[in-house]
Amino acid sequence: MGTFRLGENCLQQNDNEPVLDMCPLCASIKVVSYYEDKTRPYLCCRECQLVFVPRAFHLSSTDEQAVYDQHQNNPNDQGYRRFLSRLADPLLEKLAPNSLGLDFGSGPGPTLSVMLEEKGHKVNIYDPFYAPDKQALAGHYDFITSTEVIEHLAAPGEELDRLWGLLKHGGYLGLMTKQVTNQKSFDSWHYKNDPTHISFFSQQTFEYLGAKWGSAPVFIGADVILFRK
């Protein structure tokens, strides 16, 4: 059992709370303690509601990749395809024929890109470990997908703003990540136990991004979020 530092959520005001860190999403210093277990502490930003792990507790790149190397995802796994279809299906309903997209954080076994290409679209891939082609980050796209990736980002503000900048006007950004619901359930939330998961988004966090970008997020199920530029 971990230790909670606040009440129900990190909107609680405490003017005497010391500055703990800078939020990696919005750069606010209005950051407060949120939760702590035996392995690491978690902080929460009052401005954007991101819950995050302090940088001192992040894995090294070598250790991080060692975790990813254990993933067995591949395009022939029908269960994995069904999982990704939660994002692919609603996105495909919105795309014009022959759209150009980017799958950001494609992983060791790119699959979503294959599924979208099977429907007639062209998809470039980028992954800092498995497909580190910087040219893929120099184009402009009709859509960008990032599934089970943003929870791994040490600098989510920088990375998400970069992706938003790569979208053409009218383009779609499709994200998939499990969301923080409240502090009470955080203790038993399995998602936080993956040591590579360091940035945890809530509906309020996505609404903050939507206000910043001028695009209201569309929530599909519990873990899919679409933005249109």
Protein backbone atom coordinates (compact mmCIF):
# COMPACT_ATOMS: atom_id res chain seq x y z
CA MET A 1 0.00 0.00 0.00
CA GLY A 2 1.37 3.39 -0.98
CA THR A 3 1.04 6.79 0.66
CA PHE A 4 -1.23 9.58 -0.49
CA ARG A 5 -0.13 13.19 -0.05
CA LEU A 6 -3.33 15.05 -0.86
CA GLY A 7 -7.05 14.74 -0.66
CA GLU A 8 -9.23 13.71 -3.61
CA ASN A 9 -7.19 15.36 -6.38
CA CYS A 10 -4.32 17.73 -7.04
CA LEU A 11 -6.58 20.74 -7.50
CA GLN A 12 -6.53 21.06 -3.72
CA GLN A 13 -4.84 24.30 -2.81
CA ASN A 14 -1.93 24.41 -0.39
CA ASP A 15 -0.05 27.68 -0.57
CA ASN A 16 2.68 26.33 1.69
CA GLU A 17 3.47 23.37 -0.59
CA PRO A 18 7.14 23.63 -1.68
CA VAL A 19 8.09 23.67 -5.35
CA LEU A 20 8.89 20.03 -6.13
CA ASP A 21 9.53 19.96 -9.85
CA MET A 22 8.45 21.53 -13.13
CA CYS A 23 5.58 19.92 -14.99
CA PRO A 24 6.94 18.16 -18.12
CA LEU A 25 3.72 18.91 -20.02
CA CYS A 26 2.91 22.56 -19.32
CA ALA A 27 6.10 23.72 -17.51
CA SER A 28 4.14 24.96 -14.50
CA ILE A 29 5.83 24.94 -11.10
CA LYS A 30 2.44 24.44 -9.42
CA VAL A 31 3.31 20.82 -8.74
CA VAL A 32 2.33 18.89 -5.63
CA SER A 33 2.92 15.44 -4.22
CA TYR A 34 0.26 12.96 -5.31
CA TYR A 35 1.21 9.43 -4.28
CA GLU A 36 4.21 7.37 -3.26
CA ASP A 37 4.89 3.64 -3.20
CA LYS A 38 7.96 1.51 -2.50
CA THR A 39 9.53 2.22 -5.89
CA ARG A 40 8.94 5.89 -6.68
CA PRO A 41 6.94 9.05 -5.95
CA TYR A 42 4.31 10.58 -8.24
CA LEU A 43 3.64 14.28 -8.61
CA CYS A 44 0.64 16.14 -10.00
CA CYS A 45 0.42 19.47 -11.79
CA ARG A 46 -2.36 21.79 -10.64
CA GLU A 47 -2.43 23.53 -14.02
CA CYS A 48 -2.86 20.64 -16.47
CA GLN A 49 -3.55 17.76 -14.04
CA LEU A 50 -0.75 15.57 -15.44
CA VAL A 51 0.45 12.98 -12.92
CA PHE A 52 4.11 12.21 -13.48
CA VAL A 53 7.19 10.52 -12.09
CA PRO A 54 10.15 12.82 -11.25
CA ARG A 55 13.03 12.50 -13.70
CA ALA A 56 15.38 11.13 -11.03
CA PHE A 57 13.25 7.96 -10.99
CA HIS A 58 13.20 7.37 -14.77
CA LEU A 59 14.91 4.29 -16.18
CA SER A 60 18.06 4.65 -18.25
CA SER A 61 17.59 4.31 -22.00
CA THR A 62 19.24 0.89 -21.88
CA ASP A 63 16.93 -0.39 -19.15
CA GLU A 64 13.92 1.17 -20.86
CA GLN A 65 14.64 -0.61 -24.14
CA ALA A 66 15.21 -3.88 -22.30
CA VAL A 67 11.57 -3.70 -21.17
CA TYR A 68 10.34 -2.93 -24.69
CA ASP A 69 12.41 -5.78 -26.14
CA GLN A 70 10.19 -8.18 -24.21
CA HIS A 71 7.09 -7.07 -26.13
CA GLN A 72 5.82 -9.67 -28.59
CA ASN A 73 3.54 -7.46 -30.70
CA ASN A 74 3.29 -8.26 -34.40
CA PRO A 75 0.80 -7.80 -37.27
CA ASN A 76 -0.17 -11.49 -37.20
CA ASP A 77 -1.47 -11.29 -33.63
CA GLN A 78 -5.25 -11.01 -33.99
CA GLY A 79 -5.71 -10.07 -30.36
CA TYR A 80 -3.30 -7.18 -30.76
CA ARG A 81 -5.13 -6.09 -33.91
CA ARG A 82 -8.43 -6.06 -32.02
CA PHE A 83 -6.81 -3.93 -29.34
CA LEU A 84 -5.50 -1.40 -31.88
CA SER A 85 -8.82 -1.36 -33.72
CA ARG A 86 -10.22 0.71 -30.86
CA LEU A 87 -8.27 3.59 -32.37
CA ALA A 88 -8.05 2.42 -35.99
CA ASP A 89 -11.78 1.99 -36.57
CA PRO A 90 -12.99 5.46 -35.48
CA LEU A 91 -10.02 7.08 -37.21
CA LEU A 92 -10.67 5.25 -40.48
CA GLU A 93 -14.24 6.58 -40.47
CA LYS A 94 -12.84 10.12 -40.66
CA LEU A 95 -9.93 9.79 -43.09
CA ALA A 96 -10.13 10.75 -46.74
CA PRO A 97 -8.95 8.07 -49.20
CA ASN A 98 -5.18 7.74 -49.67
CA SER A 99 -4.30 9.79 -46.62
CA LEU A 100 -0.71 10.11 -45.42
CA GLY A 101 -0.02 9.36 -41.78
CA LEU A 102 2.65 8.88 -39.15
CA ASP A 103 2.66 6.23 -36.45
CA PHE A 104 4.73 7.74 -33.64
CA GLY A 105 6.23 5.18 -31.28
CA SER A 106 5.60 2.22 -33.54
CA GLY A 107 7.49 -0.21 -31.30
CA PRO A 108 9.42 -3.37 -32.20
CA GLY A 109 6.54 -4.86 -34.19
CA PRO A 110 4.71 -2.11 -36.12
CA THR A 111 1.10 -3.18 -36.54
CA LEU A 112 -1.23 -0.18 -36.58
CA SER A 113 0.60 1.16 -39.63
CA VAL A 114 0.02 -2.17 -41.39
CA MET A 115 -3.69 -2.10 -40.52
CA LEU A 116 -4.10 1.42 -41.89
CA GLU A 117 -2.11 0.65 -45.03
CA GLU A 118 -4.38 -2.34 -45.65
CA LYS A 119 -7.18 0.24 -45.91
CA GLY A 120 -5.38 2.21 -48.61
CA HIS A 121 -3.46 4.78 -46.61
CA LYS A 122 0.30 5.40 -46.52
CA VAL A 123 1.92 5.41 -43.10
CA ASN A 124 5.43 6.41 -42.10
CA ILE A 125 6.74 5.12 -38.77
CA TYR A 126 8.97 6.60 -36.13
CA ASP A 127 10.27 5.07 -32.92
CA PRO A 128 13.31 6.34 -30.99
CA PHE A 129 14.49 2.77 -30.36
CA TYR A 130 13.30 0.71 -33.34
CA ALA A 131 12.74 3.15 -36.21
CA PRO A 132 14.75 6.30 -35.40
CA ASP A 133 14.33 7.91 -38.81
CA LYS A 134 14.28 11.66 -38.14
CA GLN A 135 13.08 12.26 -41.69
CA ALA A 136 9.70 10.91 -40.60
CA LEU A 137 9.47 13.88 -38.24
CA ALA A 138 10.14 16.37 -41.04
CA GLY A 139 6.97 15.79 -43.06
CA HIS A 140 3.39 16.98 -42.74
CA TYR A 141 0.58 14.51 -42.26
CA ASP A 142 -3.15 14.01 -42.66
CA PHE A 143 -3.14 11.96 -39.47
CA ILE A 144 -0.80 10.94 -36.67
CA THR A 145 -1.31 8.00 -34.33
CA SER A 146 0.42 7.18 -31.07
CA THR A 147 -0.84 4.12 -29.23
CA GLU A 148 0.34 3.26 -25.73
CA VAL A 149 3.21 5.73 -26.13
CA ILE A 150 2.55 9.04 -24.39
CA GLU A 151 2.68 7.45 -20.94
CA HIS A 152 6.37 6.70 -21.69
CA LEU A 153 7.33 10.29 -22.59
CA ALA A 154 9.75 12.15 -20.34
CA ALA A 155 8.96 15.43 -22.11
CA PRO A 156 5.33 15.02 -23.21
CA GLY A 157 4.76 18.74 -23.75
CA GLU A 158 7.62 19.01 -26.23
CA GLU A 159 6.74 15.80 -28.06
CA LEU A 160 3.01 16.41 -28.35
CA ASP A 161 3.48 19.98 -29.53
CA ARG A 162 5.88 18.68 -32.17
CA LEU A 163 3.33 16.14 -33.38
CA TRP A 164 0.62 18.80 -33.47
CA GLY A 165 2.92 20.93 -35.59
CA LEU A 166 3.34 18.08 -38.11
CA LEU A 167 -0.39 17.83 -38.72
CA LYS A 168 -1.94 19.47 -41.75
CA HIS A 169 -4.98 21.68 -41.24
CA GLY A 170 -7.95 19.36 -40.81
CA GLY A 171 -5.69 16.47 -39.81
CA TYR A 172 -6.30 14.07 -36.92
CA LEU A 173 -4.17 13.18 -33.92
CA GLY A 174 -5.21 9.84 -32.45
CA LEU A 175 -3.90 8.83 -29.03
CA MET A 176 -4.38 5.73 -26.97
CA THR A 177 -3.46 5.62 -23.28
CA LYS A 178 -5.21 4.63 -20.07
CA GLN A 179 -6.36 7.63 -18.07
CA VAL A 180 -6.09 8.61 -14.44
CA THR A 181 -9.60 8.80 -13.03
CA ASN A 182 -9.08 9.84 -9.41
CA GLN A 183 -6.57 9.60 -6.61
CA LYS A 184 -8.61 7.06 -4.67
CA SER A 185 -8.22 4.42 -7.37
CA PHE A 186 -4.58 5.23 -8.12
CA ASP A 187 -3.27 2.92 -5.40
CA SER A 188 -4.66 -0.20 -7.08
CA TRP A 189 -4.15 1.01 -10.67
CA HIS A 190 -1.96 -1.55 -12.44
CA TYR A 191 -0.97 0.93 -15.16
CA LYS A 192 1.32 2.86 -12.83
CA ASN A 193 3.33 -0.26 -11.99
CA ASP A 194 5.12 -0.47 -15.33
CA PRO A 195 8.50 1.19 -14.66
CA THR A 196 8.51 2.70 -18.17
CA HIS A 197 5.20 4.51 -17.52
CA ILE A 198 6.10 7.97 -16.26
CA SER A 199 3.39 10.37 -17.55
CA PHE A 200 -0.25 9.77 -16.72
CA PHE A 201 -3.01 11.75 -18.41
CA SER A 202 -6.58 12.38 -17.31
CA GLN A 203 -9.59 13.75 -19.14
CA GLN A 204 -8.76 17.14 -17.63
CA THR A 205 -5.23 16.90 -19.04
CA PHE A 206 -6.53 16.27 -22.54
CA GLU A 207 -8.98 19.13 -22.15
CA TYR A 208 -6.03 21.36 -21.20
CA LEU A 209 -4.28 20.31 -24.42
CA GLY A 210 -7.47 20.90 -26.39
CA ALA A 211 -7.76 24.44 -25.05
CA LYS A 212 -4.11 25.08 -25.89
CA TRP A 213 -4.45 23.75 -29.43
CA GLY A 214 -7.94 25.09 -30.10
CA SER A 215 -9.34 21.59 -30.62
CA ALA A 216 -11.76 19.89 -28.24
CA PRO A 217 -10.76 16.28 -27.56
CA VAL A 218 -13.17 13.51 -28.51
CA PHE A 219 -13.09 10.63 -26.02
CA ILE A 220 -13.84 7.17 -27.40
CA GLY A 221 -14.18 4.49 -24.76
CA ALA A 222 -11.80 4.60 -21.83
CA ASP A 223 -8.49 5.01 -23.62
CA VAL A 224 -8.84 6.57 -27.09
CA ILE A 225 -8.66 10.31 -27.69
CA LEU A 226 -8.99 12.11 -31.03
CA PHE A 227 -8.09 15.72 -31.82
CA ARG A 228 -8.75 17.46 -35.13
CA LYS A 229 -6.54 20.36 -36.16
